[in-house]
Protein backbone atom coordinates (compact mmCIF):
# COMPACT_ATOMS: atom_id res chain seq x y z
CA MET A 1 -18.74 -42.68 14.73
CA SER A 2 -17.31 -46.52 13.42
CA ASP A 3 -17.21 -49.41 15.85
CA LYS A 4 -13.44 -49.51 15.24
CA THR A 5 -13.43 -46.06 16.92
CA GLY A 6 -15.11 -47.01 19.71
CA ALA A 7 -13.14 -50.00 20.04
CA ARG A 8 -9.76 -47.98 19.63
CA LEU A 9 -10.68 -45.86 22.61
CA LYS A 10 -11.56 -48.50 24.59
CA ALA A 11 -8.09 -50.63 23.95
CA ARG A 12 -5.90 -47.38 24.12
CA ARG A 13 -7.65 -47.15 27.54
CA LEU A 14 -7.24 -50.51 28.77
CA ALA A 15 -3.65 -50.09 27.71
CA LEU A 16 -2.57 -47.06 29.67
CA GLY A 17 -4.54 -48.65 32.51
CA LEU A 18 -7.04 -45.60 32.65
CA THR A 19 -10.50 -46.15 33.83
CA GLN A 20 -13.76 -44.89 31.96
CA ASP A 21 -13.95 -42.49 34.90
CA ASP A 22 -10.24 -40.91 33.97
CA ILE A 23 -11.38 -39.97 31.02
CA ALA A 24 -14.76 -38.57 31.56
CA VAL A 25 -12.88 -36.41 34.17
CA TYR A 26 -9.96 -35.26 31.88
CA ILE A 27 -12.61 -34.37 28.89
CA GLY A 28 -15.24 -33.18 31.09
CA THR A 29 -18.26 -35.46 30.55
CA SER A 30 -19.78 -38.47 32.56
CA GLN A 31 -18.36 -41.93 32.88
CA LYS A 32 -21.62 -43.34 30.96
CA GLN A 33 -21.00 -40.93 28.06
CA VAL A 34 -17.12 -42.39 27.62
CA SER A 35 -19.12 -45.98 27.53
CA ARG A 36 -21.41 -44.74 24.98
CA TYR A 37 -18.50 -43.72 22.70
CA GLU A 38 -16.45 -46.64 23.36
CA LEU A 39 -19.44 -48.64 22.42
CA GLY A 40 -20.28 -46.82 19.42
CA LEU A 41 -23.76 -45.22 20.70
CA ASN A 42 -22.71 -41.37 20.48
CA ASP A 43 -20.39 -39.55 18.42
CA PRO A 44 -17.86 -37.63 20.00
CA THR A 45 -17.08 -34.00 18.88
CA GLY A 46 -13.90 -32.67 17.21
CA ASP A 47 -12.88 -31.02 20.40
CA VAL A 48 -14.00 -34.29 22.60
CA LEU A 49 -11.78 -36.55 20.26
CA LEU A 50 -8.92 -34.24 20.46
CA LYS A 51 -8.75 -34.46 24.32
CA MET A 52 -9.36 -38.03 24.26
CA SER A 53 -6.16 -38.57 21.40
CA GLU A 54 -4.40 -36.59 24.38
CA ILE A 55 -5.29 -38.08 27.20
CA LEU A 56 -4.99 -41.51 25.28
CA ASN A 57 -1.53 -40.64 23.69
CA THR A 58 -3.07 -41.25 20.10
CA SER A 59 -3.70 -39.44 17.32
CA VAL A 60 -7.65 -38.33 16.05
CA ASP A 61 -6.14 -40.36 12.63
CA TYR A 62 -5.77 -43.38 14.78
CA LEU A 63 -9.14 -43.27 16.77
CA LEU A 64 -11.10 -42.62 13.88
CA GLY A 65 -9.69 -45.70 12.16
CA LYS A 66 -7.21 -43.43 8.91
CA THR A 67 -4.04 -44.82 10.42
CA ASP A 68 -3.14 -48.04 12.48
CA LYS A 69 -0.11 -46.21 13.82
CA GLU A 70 -1.24 -45.96 17.58
CA MET A 71 1.83 -43.08 18.09
CA ALA A 72 3.52 -41.44 16.31
CA ALA A 73 7.35 -42.49 15.84
CA LEU A 74 9.17 -40.88 19.02
CA ASP A 75 11.36 -43.57 19.73
CA LEU A 76 10.46 -43.50 23.32
CA SER A 77 11.62 -46.14 25.86
CA ASP A 78 8.88 -48.09 27.54
CA ILE A 79 10.62 -46.01 30.68
CA GLU A 80 9.59 -43.08 28.75
CA SER A 81 6.68 -43.65 27.53
CA HIS A 82 5.51 -43.89 30.89
CA LEU A 83 6.88 -41.26 32.31
CA VAL A 84 4.44 -39.09 29.34
CA ASP A 85 2.03 -40.88 29.91
CA ALA A 86 1.39 -40.44 34.25
CA PHE A 87 2.96 -36.79 33.08
CA ARG A 88 -0.08 -36.49 30.80
CA ARG A 89 -2.69 -37.94 33.12
CA GLY A 90 -1.41 -35.24 35.47
CA ASP A 91 -0.35 -37.79 38.07
CA VAL A 92 2.65 -36.41 39.64
CA ALA A 93 3.25 -39.11 42.32
CA MET A 94 3.56 -41.51 39.24
CA VAL A 95 6.30 -39.41 37.48
CA ILE A 96 7.95 -39.54 40.56
CA ASP A 97 7.68 -43.09 41.38
CA ILE A 98 8.77 -43.72 37.72
CA LEU A 99 11.80 -41.12 38.31
CA SER A 100 12.93 -42.67 41.48
CA SER A 101 12.95 -46.38 40.63
CA ASN A 102 14.70 -45.59 37.63
CA ARG A 103 17.38 -43.60 38.70
CA GLY A 104 20.13 -46.30 38.95
CA SER A 105 19.24 -47.34 35.19
CA ALA A 106 19.81 -44.04 33.96
CA THR A 107 23.09 -43.59 35.63
CA ALA A 108 24.36 -47.02 34.59
CA ARG A 109 23.91 -46.03 31.10
CA ARG A 110 26.21 -43.15 30.75
């Protein structure tokens, strides 16, 4: 794996406010192993890359440096993106918080 892949893993993780522990739990490994991936010391398997792409809300191609598009073009608002990220992490409390705090703005747009 290239240093670029490790840097992209770390950048996406930080952009989503996730810790190495969060990633480790999701992919079923240790925080140290996630650190090794980010530093380019170890190469994740295809299955691990796929799981990482899911929690990091990006494609394997992006993580591997085959494209510079972080996400597929889905035309999501910022709120929708945060909601999807929280849902994928299984953070039900955050999903409820996002939905509750944006209830008024969604009603105003109708």
